[in-house]
Amino acid sequence: MTAILRFVGILNAAVWCGSAIFLTIGLPAVFSPDLKRLLTAPGAGFAAEAVVGRFFVLQYWCAAIALAHLAGEWLYAGRSPLRWNLALVTALLAVALAGGLWAQPKMQMLHKDKYFGATAARQTQAAREFAVWHGAAETVNLLVIGGLIVYLWRVSVPTEYPRFGSFSKIRG
């Protein structure tokens, strides 16, 4: 059973990390010249928004599975989760929630205003604000990728626990 638990933890961490890397490397393909001709500039942005929305849902699921994995290790294997792993998963979940529930809706509104704002001044202002938000989101995503690589490493390397109880528990 511990092998299955370990496999689930590694697989989840790999999917979680891979999705964040895809967002940084793969999503810009939506803005390639070929797709821009097909979709137009606003259409490519709306397609990217749809992908980013699903990305955040995947982030929530992966964080929930990671928390369940830590709880499973604690309950099944009898070892308490490492504080560092728990803190890392909790921080990554908090960033995903902030991105999906706060930053993404703000960027969607700015994207709409950028192309369909009431005035030309509003469109220009929205374009500048969107660029700042987009830069911040990319920076945070790079930090998340770093955290996920660390988490993948920590999950894939087995923790060394003593084979037997400590000698301080033996009474003579």
C-alpha atoms as a PDB file:
ATOM      1  CA  MET A   1       0.000   0.000   0.000  1.00  0.00           C
ATOM      2  CA  THR A   2       2.835   2.402   0.685  1.00  0.00           C
ATOM      3  CA  ALA A   3       4.078   1.886  -2.877  1.00  0.00           C
ATOM      4  CA  ILE A   4       0.686   2.942  -4.248  1.00  0.00           C
ATOM      5  CA  LEU A   5       0.594   5.927  -1.910  1.00  0.00           C
ATOM      6  CA  ARG A   6       4.081   6.944  -3.007  1.00  0.00           C
ATOM      7  CA  PHE A   7       3.197   6.492  -6.695  1.00  0.00           C
ATOM      8  CA  VAL A   8       0.080   8.667  -6.335  1.00  0.00           C
ATOM      9  CA  GLY A   9       2.124  11.383  -4.625  1.00  0.00           C
ATOM     10  CA  ILE A  10       4.798  11.407  -7.322  1.00  0.00           C
ATOM     11  CA  LEU A  11       2.284  11.268 -10.176  1.00  0.00           C
ATOM     12  CA  ASN A  12       0.258  14.129  -8.701  1.00  0.00           C
ATOM     13  CA  ALA A  13       3.354  16.279  -8.156  1.00  0.00           C
ATOM     14  CA  ALA A  14       4.506  15.591 -11.736  1.00  0.00           C
ATOM     15  CA  VAL A  15       1.122  16.529 -13.248  1.00  0.00           C
ATOM     16  CA  TRP A  16       0.943  19.624 -11.054  1.00  0.00           C
ATOM     17  CA  CYS A  17       4.433  20.752 -12.020  1.00  0.00           C
ATOM     18  CA  GLY A  18       3.914  19.893 -15.692  1.00  0.00           C
ATOM     19  CA  SER A  19       0.746  21.954 -15.914  1.00  0.00           C
ATOM     20  CA  ALA A  20       2.517  25.010 -14.533  1.00  0.00           C
ATOM     21  CA  ILE A  21       5.368  24.550 -16.999  1.00  0.00           C
ATOM     22  CA  PHE A  22       2.872  24.140 -19.854  1.00  0.00           C
ATOM     23  CA  LEU A  23       1.188  27.401 -18.914  1.00  0.00           C
ATOM     24  CA  THR A  24       4.506  29.217 -19.277  1.00  0.00           C
ATOM     25  CA  ILE A  25       5.829  27.419 -22.353  1.00  0.00           C
ATOM     26  CA  GLY A  26       2.779  26.107 -24.210  1.00  0.00           C
ATOM     27  CA  LEU A  27       0.133  28.777 -23.728  1.00  0.00           C
ATOM     28  CA  PRO A  28       1.990  31.454 -25.739  1.00  0.00           C
ATOM     29  CA  ALA A  29       1.337  29.258 -28.805  1.00  0.00           C
ATOM     30  CA  VAL A  30      -2.225  30.630 -28.723  1.00  0.00           C
ATOM     31  CA  PHE A  31      -0.730  33.981 -29.713  1.00  0.00           C
ATOM     32  CA  SER A  32       1.286  32.603 -32.639  1.00  0.00           C
ATOM     33  CA  PRO A  33       0.785  34.391 -35.975  1.00  0.00           C
ATOM     34  CA  ASP A  34      -1.097  31.410 -37.425  1.00  0.00           C
ATOM     35  CA  LEU A  35      -3.656  31.296 -34.620  1.00  0.00           C
ATOM     36  CA  LYS A  36      -3.947  35.080 -34.461  1.00  0.00           C
ATOM     37  CA  ARG A  37      -4.992  35.081 -38.125  1.00  0.00           C
ATOM     38  CA  LEU A  38      -7.581  32.434 -37.347  1.00  0.00           C
ATOM     39  CA  LEU A  39      -8.872  33.816 -34.058  1.00  0.00           C
ATOM     40  CA  THR A  40      -8.064  37.573 -34.201  1.00  0.00           C
ATOM     41  CA  ALA A  41      -6.239  39.268 -31.310  1.00  0.00           C
ATOM     42  CA  PRO A  42      -9.190  39.407 -28.873  1.00  0.00           C
ATOM     43  CA  GLY A  43     -10.178  35.834 -29.778  1.00  0.00           C
ATOM     44  CA  ALA A  44      -6.715  34.511 -28.954  1.00  0.00           C
ATOM     45  CA  GLY A  45      -6.930  36.247 -25.584  1.00  0.00           C
ATOM     46  CA  PHE A  46     -10.326  34.692 -24.864  1.00  0.00           C
ATOM     47  CA  ALA A  47      -8.951  31.249 -25.825  1.00  0.00           C
ATOM     48  CA  ALA A  48      -6.026  31.791 -23.443  1.00  0.00           C
ATOM     49  CA  GLU A  49      -8.460  32.813 -20.680  1.00  0.00           C
ATOM     50  CA  ALA A  50     -10.333  29.540 -21.137  1.00  0.00           C
ATOM     51  CA  VAL A  51      -7.107  27.550 -20.837  1.00  0.00           C
ATOM     52  CA  VAL A  52      -6.003  29.525 -17.775  1.00  0.00           C
ATOM     53  CA  GLY A  53      -9.396  28.942 -16.141  1.00  0.00           C
ATOM     54  CA  ARG A  54      -8.993  25.182 -16.532  1.00  0.00           C
ATOM     55  CA  PHE A  55      -5.400  25.468 -15.347  1.00  0.00           C
ATOM     56  CA  PHE A  56      -6.532  26.901 -12.019  1.00  0.00           C
ATOM     57  CA  VAL A  57      -9.126  24.139 -11.569  1.00  0.00           C
ATOM     58  CA  LEU A  58      -6.337  21.604 -12.136  1.00  0.00           C
ATOM     59  CA  GLN A  59      -4.185  23.450  -9.599  1.00  0.00           C
ATOM     60  CA  TYR A  60      -6.950  23.190  -6.982  1.00  0.00           C
ATOM     61  CA  TRP A  61      -7.352  19.460  -7.601  1.00  0.00           C
ATOM     62  CA  CYS A  62      -3.626  18.777  -7.473  1.00  0.00           C
ATOM     63  CA  ALA A  63      -3.280  20.727  -4.221  1.00  0.00           C
ATOM     64  CA  ALA A  64      -6.213  18.811  -2.717  1.00  0.00           C
ATOM     65  CA  ILE A  65      -4.679  15.494  -3.797  1.00  0.00           C
ATOM     66  CA  ALA A  66      -1.324  16.571  -2.330  1.00  0.00           C
ATOM     67  CA  LEU A  67      -2.987  17.393   0.995  1.00  0.00           C
ATOM     68  CA  ALA A  68      -4.821  14.056   0.908  1.00  0.00           C
ATOM     69  CA  HIS A  69      -1.515  12.332   0.124  1.00  0.00           C
ATOM     70  CA  LEU A  70       0.130  13.951   3.142  1.00  0.00           C
ATOM     71  CA  ALA A  71      -2.829  12.906   5.292  1.00  0.00           C
ATOM     72  CA  GLY A  72      -2.651   9.383   3.845  1.00  0.00           C
ATOM     73  CA  GLU A  73       1.016   9.087   4.728  1.00  0.00           C
ATOM     74  CA  TRP A  74       0.227  10.277   8.215  1.00  0.00           C
ATOM     75  CA  LEU A  75      -2.702   7.895   8.727  1.00  0.00           C
ATOM     76  CA  TYR A  76      -1.453   4.820   6.903  1.00  0.00           C
ATOM     77  CA  ALA A  77       2.285   4.924   7.477  1.00  0.00           C
ATOM     78  CA  GLY A  78       2.026   6.420  10.949  1.00  0.00           C
ATOM     79  CA  ARG A  79       4.496   9.196  10.241  1.00  0.00           C
ATOM     80  CA  SER A  80       3.541  12.786  10.636  1.00  0.00           C
ATOM     81  CA  PRO A  81       3.812  14.910   7.506  1.00  0.00           C
ATOM     82  CA  LEU A  82       6.962  16.950   7.274  1.00  0.00           C
ATOM     83  CA  ARG A  83       6.211  20.541   8.203  1.00  0.00           C
ATOM     84  CA  TRP A  84       8.110  21.800   5.205  1.00  0.00           C
ATOM     85  CA  ASN A  85       6.021  19.723   2.771  1.00  0.00           C
ATOM     86  CA  LEU A  86       2.797  20.777   4.452  1.00  0.00           C
ATOM     87  CA  ALA A  87       3.824  24.439   4.400  1.00  0.00           C
ATOM     88  CA  LEU A  88       4.857  24.223   0.741  1.00  0.00           C
ATOM     89  CA  VAL A  89       1.605  22.576  -0.395  1.00  0.00           C
ATOM     90  CA  THR A  90      -0.453  25.035   1.650  1.00  0.00           C
ATOM     91  CA  ALA A  91       1.440  27.999   0.169  1.00  0.00           C
ATOM     92  CA  LEU A  92       1.019  26.649  -3.375  1.00  0.00           C
ATOM     93  CA  LEU A  93      -2.709  26.162  -2.764  1.00  0.00           C
ATOM     94  CA  ALA A  94      -2.995  29.719  -1.426  1.00  0.00           C
ATOM     95  CA  VAL A  95      -1.248  31.101  -4.517  1.00  0.00           C
ATOM     96  CA  ALA A  96      -3.514  29.064  -6.802  1.00  0.00           C
ATOM     97  CA  LEU A  97      -6.629  30.280  -4.995  1.00  0.00           C
ATOM     98  CA  ALA A  98      -5.440  33.892  -5.152  1.00  0.00           C
ATOM     99  CA  GLY A  99      -4.663  33.537  -8.838  1.00  0.00           C
ATOM    100  CA  GLY A 100      -7.895  31.827  -9.804  1.00  0.00           C
ATOM    101  CA  LEU A 101     -10.330  33.709  -7.593  1.00  0.00           C
ATOM    102  CA  TRP A 102      -8.764  37.166  -7.516  1.00  0.00           C
ATOM    103  CA  ALA A 103      -6.196  37.814 -10.262  1.00  0.00           C
ATOM    104  CA  GLN A 104      -7.823  35.945 -13.150  1.00  0.00           C
ATOM    105  CA  PRO A 105     -11.204  37.753 -12.910  1.00  0.00           C
ATOM    106  CA  LYS A 106      -9.359  41.080 -12.702  1.00  0.00           C
ATOM    107  CA  MET A 107      -7.314  40.223 -15.803  1.00  0.00           C
ATOM    108  CA  GLN A 108     -10.440  39.071 -17.683  1.00  0.00           C
ATOM    109  CA  MET A 109     -12.094  42.426 -16.999  1.00  0.00           C
ATOM    110  CA  LEU A 110      -8.980  44.299 -18.124  1.00  0.00           C
ATOM    111  CA  HIS A 111      -8.764  42.152 -21.259  1.00  0.00           C
ATOM    112  CA  LYS A 112     -12.348  43.004 -22.206  1.00  0.00           C
ATOM    113  CA  ASP A 113     -11.754  46.693 -21.542  1.00  0.00           C
ATOM    114  CA  LYS A 114      -8.544  46.563 -23.580  1.00  0.00           C
ATOM    115  CA  TYR A 115     -10.481  45.687 -26.728  1.00  0.00           C
ATOM    116  CA  PHE A 116     -14.050  46.748 -26.018  1.00  0.00           C
ATOM    117  CA  GLY A 117     -13.681  49.635 -23.552  1.00  0.00           C
ATOM    118  CA  ALA A 118     -16.136  52.526 -23.752  1.00  0.00           C
ATOM    119  CA  THR A 119     -13.477  55.071 -24.713  1.00  0.00           C
ATOM    120  CA  ALA A 120     -10.083  54.992 -26.350  1.00  0.00           C
ATOM    121  CA  ALA A 121      -8.537  56.308 -23.122  1.00  0.00           C
ATOM    122  CA  ARG A 122     -10.069  53.428 -21.158  1.00  0.00           C
ATOM    123  CA  GLN A 123      -8.750  50.934 -23.723  1.00  0.00           C
ATOM    124  CA  THR A 124      -5.240  52.376 -23.431  1.00  0.00           C
ATOM    125  CA  GLN A 125      -5.355  52.406 -19.650  1.00  0.00           C
ATOM    126  CA  ALA A 126      -6.680  48.822 -19.554  1.00  0.00           C
ATOM    127  CA  ALA A 127      -3.913  47.686 -21.916  1.00  0.00           C
ATOM    128  CA  ARG A 128      -1.259  49.171 -19.604  1.00  0.00           C
ATOM    129  CA  GLU A 129      -2.851  47.686 -16.467  1.00  0.00           C
ATOM    130  CA  PHE A 130      -3.228  44.318 -18.175  1.00  0.00           C
ATOM    131  CA  ALA A 131       0.468  44.321 -19.100  1.00  0.00           C
ATOM    132  CA  VAL A 132       1.429  44.941 -15.460  1.00  0.00           C
ATOM    133  CA  TRP A 133      -0.910  42.216 -14.182  1.00  0.00           C
ATOM    134  CA  HIS A 134       0.299  39.800 -16.848  1.00  0.00           C
ATOM    135  CA  GLY A 135       3.935  40.419 -15.924  1.00  0.00           C
ATOM    136  CA  ALA A 136       3.151  39.874 -12.246  1.00  0.00           C
ATOM    137  CA  ALA A 137       1.242  36.674 -13.043  1.00  0.00           C
ATOM    138  CA  GLU A 138       4.143  35.312 -15.094  1.00  0.00           C
ATOM    139  CA  THR A 139       6.587  36.121 -12.294  1.00  0.00           C
ATOM    140  CA  VAL A 140       4.399  34.365  -9.728  1.00  0.00           C
ATOM    141  CA  ASN A 141       4.002  31.390 -12.080  1.00  0.00           C
ATOM    142  CA  LEU A 142       7.788  31.068 -12.329  1.00  0.00           C
ATOM    143  CA  LEU A 143       8.010  31.070  -8.520  1.00  0.00           C
ATOM    144  CA  VAL A 144       5.250  28.440  -8.392  1.00  0.00           C
ATOM    145  CA  ILE A 145       7.168  26.293 -10.884  1.00  0.00           C
ATOM    146  CA  GLY A 146      10.206  26.526  -8.617  1.00  0.00           C
ATOM    147  CA  GLY A 147       8.101  25.518  -5.615  1.00  0.00           C
ATOM    148  CA  LEU A 148       6.561  22.638  -7.529  1.00  0.00           C
ATOM    149  CA  ILE A 149       9.972  21.369  -8.626  1.00  0.00           C
ATOM    150  CA  VAL A 150      11.055  21.401  -4.979  1.00  0.00           C
ATOM    151  CA  TYR A 151       7.833  19.626  -3.984  1.00  0.00           C
ATOM    152  CA  LEU A 152       8.286  17.007  -6.727  1.00  0.00           C
ATOM    153  CA  TRP A 153      11.817  16.403  -5.495  1.00  0.00           C
ATOM    154  CA  ARG A 154      10.693  16.101  -1.873  1.00  0.00           C
ATOM    155  CA  VAL A 155       7.909  13.654  -2.763  1.00  0.00           C
ATOM    156  CA  SER A 156      10.117  11.498  -4.991  1.00  0.00           C
ATOM    157  CA  VAL A 157      12.983  11.125  -2.512  1.00  0.00           C
ATOM    158  CA  PRO A 158      11.974   8.747   0.285  1.00  0.00           C
ATOM    159  CA  THR A 159      12.196  10.129   3.779  1.00  0.00           C
ATOM    160  CA  GLU A 160      14.602   8.306   6.021  1.00  0.00           C
ATOM    161  CA  TYR A 161      12.915   7.194   9.203  1.00  0.00           C
ATOM    162  CA  PRO A 162      14.569   5.057  11.852  1.00  0.00           C
ATOM    163  CA  ARG A 163      13.780   1.385  11.443  1.00  0.00           C
ATOM    164  CA  PHE A 164      13.058   0.930  15.113  1.00  0.00           C
ATOM    165  CA  GLY A 165      11.869   3.260  17.854  1.00  0.00           C
ATOM    166  CA  SER A 166      14.314   5.536  19.579  1.00  0.00           C
ATOM    167  CA  PHE A 167      16.421   4.250  22.439  1.00  0.00           C
ATOM    168  CA  SER A 168      14.997   6.860  24.775  1.00  0.00           C
ATOM    169  CA  LYS A 169      11.730   4.920  24.860  1.00  0.00           C
ATOM    170  CA  ILE A 170      13.428   1.776  26.181  1.00  0.00           C
ATOM    171  CA  ARG A 171      13.275   1.554  29.919  1.00  0.00           C
ATOM    172  CA  GLY A 172      15.477  -0.840  31.782  1.00  0.00           C
END
